[in-house]
Amino acid sequence: MTVTQPPQTDSTQRFWTLYLQEHDRKLNRWMHVTGTLASWIILIVAVWIRLWWLLLLMPLAGYGLAWLGHVLVERNRPLSIRYPWQSLLADYKLTLLMISGRDPGHVQKDAQRPSKDA
């Protein structure tokens, strides 16, 4: 597993850049989107039918697929362990971008290394 240095600032743009570096592979990005959408669906269903215990499944759906993507696809450590709120907001941003057809792609970790999707 590779470990990327965490951001040294609270800058949203710097975190977003780091987030994209840690989500380099398209499959991992889609695993995050699927988990996030599943958690949103669970929220809607729980509120609609008033089964509040279903809300306990939200983190399982969201983090479960995302963390599998990091372990099996990216082979890195999820940023959500160290930056839970920033990562959650970045997951939401990624989801909204991806479902609107605007895949943010990847940010290469260094100029010499080609994308893993290539």
C-alpha atoms as a PDB file:
ATOM      1  CA  MET A   1       0.000   0.000   0.000  1.00  0.00           C
ATOM      2  CA  THR A   2       1.248   3.441  -0.812  1.00  0.00           C
ATOM      3  CA  VAL A   3       0.889   6.245   1.667  1.00  0.00           C
ATOM      4  CA  THR A   4       0.447   9.768   0.362  1.00  0.00           C
ATOM      5  CA  GLN A   5       1.405  12.649   2.590  1.00  0.00           C
ATOM      6  CA  PRO A   6      -1.662  14.359   4.054  1.00  0.00           C
ATOM      7  CA  PRO A   7      -2.353  17.966   3.180  1.00  0.00           C
ATOM      8  CA  GLN A   8      -0.424  20.492   5.246  1.00  0.00           C
ATOM      9  CA  THR A   9      -3.207  23.048   5.031  1.00  0.00           C
ATOM     10  CA  ASP A  10      -6.975  23.191   5.335  1.00  0.00           C
ATOM     11  CA  SER A  11      -7.218  24.479   1.789  1.00  0.00           C
ATOM     12  CA  THR A  12     -10.188  22.891   0.082  1.00  0.00           C
ATOM     13  CA  GLN A  13      -8.458  22.958  -3.315  1.00  0.00           C
ATOM     14  CA  ARG A  14      -5.330  21.270  -1.952  1.00  0.00           C
ATOM     15  CA  PHE A  15      -7.420  18.580  -0.321  1.00  0.00           C
ATOM     16  CA  TRP A  16      -9.402  18.054  -3.538  1.00  0.00           C
ATOM     17  CA  THR A  17      -6.130  17.609  -5.446  1.00  0.00           C
ATOM     18  CA  LEU A  18      -4.903  15.076  -2.885  1.00  0.00           C
ATOM     19  CA  TYR A  19      -8.290  13.352  -2.978  1.00  0.00           C
ATOM     20  CA  LEU A  20      -8.089  12.965  -6.762  1.00  0.00           C
ATOM     21  CA  GLN A  21      -4.548  11.598  -6.483  1.00  0.00           C
ATOM     22  CA  GLU A  22      -5.782   8.935  -4.081  1.00  0.00           C
ATOM     23  CA  HIS A  23      -8.691   8.124  -6.442  1.00  0.00           C
ATOM     24  CA  ASP A  24      -6.636   7.751  -9.599  1.00  0.00           C
ATOM     25  CA  ARG A  25      -8.390   4.715 -11.031  1.00  0.00           C
ATOM     26  CA  LYS A  26     -11.798   5.083 -12.601  1.00  0.00           C
ATOM     27  CA  LEU A  27     -13.076   1.839 -11.030  1.00  0.00           C
ATOM     28  CA  ASN A  28     -12.305   3.184  -7.562  1.00  0.00           C
ATOM     29  CA  ARG A  29     -14.086   6.453  -8.340  1.00  0.00           C
ATOM     30  CA  TRP A  30     -17.170   4.533  -9.474  1.00  0.00           C
ATOM     31  CA  MET A  31     -17.050   2.349  -6.351  1.00  0.00           C
ATOM     32  CA  HIS A  32     -17.152   5.560  -4.297  1.00  0.00           C
ATOM     33  CA  VAL A  33     -20.054   6.917  -6.329  1.00  0.00           C
ATOM     34  CA  THR A  34     -21.992   3.664  -5.974  1.00  0.00           C
ATOM     35  CA  GLY A  35     -21.455   3.603  -2.205  1.00  0.00           C
ATOM     36  CA  THR A  36     -22.442   7.249  -1.837  1.00  0.00           C
ATOM     37  CA  LEU A  37     -25.592   6.799  -3.925  1.00  0.00           C
ATOM     38  CA  ALA A  38     -26.501   3.676  -1.936  1.00  0.00           C
ATOM     39  CA  SER A  39     -26.159   5.626   1.314  1.00  0.00           C
ATOM     40  CA  TRP A  40     -28.381   8.418  -0.061  1.00  0.00           C
ATOM     41  CA  ILE A  41     -31.003   5.867  -1.112  1.00  0.00           C
ATOM     42  CA  ILE A  42     -30.916   4.324   2.370  1.00  0.00           C
ATOM     43  CA  LEU A  43     -31.459   7.787   3.863  1.00  0.00           C
ATOM     44  CA  ILE A  44     -34.445   8.485   1.609  1.00  0.00           C
ATOM     45  CA  VAL A  45     -36.013   5.075   2.276  1.00  0.00           C
ATOM     46  CA  ALA A  46     -35.457   5.327   6.048  1.00  0.00           C
ATOM     47  CA  VAL A  47     -37.125   8.739   6.186  1.00  0.00           C
ATOM     48  CA  TRP A  48     -39.916   7.729   3.808  1.00  0.00           C
ATOM     49  CA  ILE A  49     -40.930   4.593   5.713  1.00  0.00           C
ATOM     50  CA  ARG A  50     -39.780   5.865   9.116  1.00  0.00           C
ATOM     51  CA  LEU A  51     -37.505   2.954   9.897  1.00  0.00           C
ATOM     52  CA  TRP A  52     -34.793   4.926  11.637  1.00  0.00           C
ATOM     53  CA  TRP A  53     -32.561   1.925  12.317  1.00  0.00           C
ATOM     54  CA  LEU A  54     -31.894   1.778   8.553  1.00  0.00           C
ATOM     55  CA  LEU A  55     -29.781   4.913   8.987  1.00  0.00           C
ATOM     56  CA  LEU A  56     -27.195   2.675  10.651  1.00  0.00           C
ATOM     57  CA  LEU A  57     -26.622   1.068   7.246  1.00  0.00           C
ATOM     58  CA  MET A  58     -25.566   4.342   5.611  1.00  0.00           C
ATOM     59  CA  PRO A  59     -21.894   4.216   6.704  1.00  0.00           C
ATOM     60  CA  LEU A  60     -21.696   0.527   5.829  1.00  0.00           C
ATOM     61  CA  ALA A  61     -22.908   1.181   2.281  1.00  0.00           C
ATOM     62  CA  GLY A  62     -20.853   4.323   1.752  1.00  0.00           C
ATOM     63  CA  TYR A  63     -17.599   3.382   3.425  1.00  0.00           C
ATOM     64  CA  GLY A  64     -17.810  -0.315   2.600  1.00  0.00           C
ATOM     65  CA  LEU A  65     -17.516   0.108  -1.159  1.00  0.00           C
ATOM     66  CA  ALA A  66     -15.147   3.054  -0.885  1.00  0.00           C
ATOM     67  CA  TRP A  67     -12.717   1.239   1.381  1.00  0.00           C
ATOM     68  CA  LEU A  68     -12.865  -1.877  -0.796  1.00  0.00           C
ATOM     69  CA  GLY A  69     -11.905   0.361  -3.711  1.00  0.00           C
ATOM     70  CA  HIS A  70      -8.884   1.613  -1.816  1.00  0.00           C
ATOM     71  CA  VAL A  71      -7.764  -1.817  -0.653  1.00  0.00           C
ATOM     72  CA  LEU A  72      -8.438  -3.806  -3.827  1.00  0.00           C
ATOM     73  CA  VAL A  73      -8.140  -1.241  -6.626  1.00  0.00           C
ATOM     74  CA  GLU A  74      -5.911   1.651  -5.554  1.00  0.00           C
ATOM     75  CA  ARG A  75      -3.929  -0.242  -2.926  1.00  0.00           C
ATOM     76  CA  ASN A  76      -3.731   2.789  -0.658  1.00  0.00           C
ATOM     77  CA  ARG A  77      -5.132   3.966   2.652  1.00  0.00           C
ATOM     78  CA  PRO A  78      -8.437   5.888   2.589  1.00  0.00           C
ATOM     79  CA  LEU A  79      -8.159   9.575   3.460  1.00  0.00           C
ATOM     80  CA  SER A  80     -11.395   9.241   5.433  1.00  0.00           C
ATOM     81  CA  ILE A  81      -9.472   7.611   8.262  1.00  0.00           C
ATOM     82  CA  ARG A  82      -7.544  10.805   8.905  1.00  0.00           C
ATOM     83  CA  TYR A  83      -9.844  13.428   7.347  1.00  0.00           C
ATOM     84  CA  PRO A  84     -13.407  12.108   7.766  1.00  0.00           C
ATOM     85  CA  TRP A  85     -15.385  15.319   7.103  1.00  0.00           C
ATOM     86  CA  GLN A  86     -13.243  16.588   4.250  1.00  0.00           C
ATOM     87  CA  SER A  87     -13.372  13.137   2.656  1.00  0.00           C
ATOM     88  CA  LEU A  88     -17.133  12.910   3.024  1.00  0.00           C
ATOM     89  CA  LEU A  89     -17.604  16.271   1.312  1.00  0.00           C
ATOM     90  CA  ALA A  90     -15.133  15.268  -1.410  1.00  0.00           C
ATOM     91  CA  ASP A  91     -17.069  11.997  -1.929  1.00  0.00           C
ATOM     92  CA  TYR A  92     -20.257  14.034  -2.385  1.00  0.00           C
ATOM     93  CA  LYS A  93     -18.512  16.367  -4.833  1.00  0.00           C
ATOM     94  CA  LEU A  94     -17.104  13.399  -6.780  1.00  0.00           C
ATOM     95  CA  THR A  95     -20.542  11.767  -6.890  1.00  0.00           C
ATOM     96  CA  LEU A  96     -22.250  14.894  -8.190  1.00  0.00           C
ATOM     97  CA  LEU A  97     -19.561  15.375 -10.828  1.00  0.00           C
ATOM     98  CA  MET A  98     -19.626  11.746 -11.967  1.00  0.00           C
ATOM     99  CA  ILE A  99     -23.422  11.437 -12.221  1.00  0.00           C
ATOM    100  CA  SER A 100     -23.531  14.663 -14.206  1.00  0.00           C
ATOM    101  CA  GLY A 101     -21.053  13.166 -16.679  1.00  0.00           C
ATOM    102  CA  ARG A 102     -18.017  15.170 -15.540  1.00  0.00           C
ATOM    103  CA  ASP A 103     -15.479  12.617 -14.367  1.00  0.00           C
ATOM    104  CA  PRO A 104     -12.706  14.698 -12.776  1.00  0.00           C
ATOM    105  CA  GLY A 105     -10.229  12.136 -14.072  1.00  0.00           C
ATOM    106  CA  HIS A 106      -6.989  11.673 -12.322  1.00  0.00           C
ATOM    107  CA  VAL A 107      -4.232  13.907 -11.099  1.00  0.00           C
ATOM    108  CA  GLN A 108      -0.889  12.286 -11.738  1.00  0.00           C
ATOM    109  CA  LYS A 109       1.199  11.825  -8.630  1.00  0.00           C
ATOM    110  CA  ASP A 110       4.279  12.881 -10.520  1.00  0.00           C
ATOM    111  CA  ALA A 111       4.958  13.990 -14.058  1.00  0.00           C
ATOM    112  CA  GLN A 112       6.937  10.874 -15.008  1.00  0.00           C
ATOM    113  CA  ARG A 113       4.344   8.293 -13.999  1.00  0.00           C
ATOM    114  CA  PRO A 114       1.545   7.486 -16.462  1.00  0.00           C
ATOM    115  CA  SER A 115      -2.040   7.008 -15.288  1.00  0.00           C
ATOM    116  CA  LYS A 116      -2.969   3.573 -13.957  1.00  0.00           C
ATOM    117  CA  ASP A 117      -6.014   3.593 -16.275  1.00  0.00           C
ATOM    118  CA  ALA A 118      -3.841   3.805 -19.402  1.00  0.00           C
END
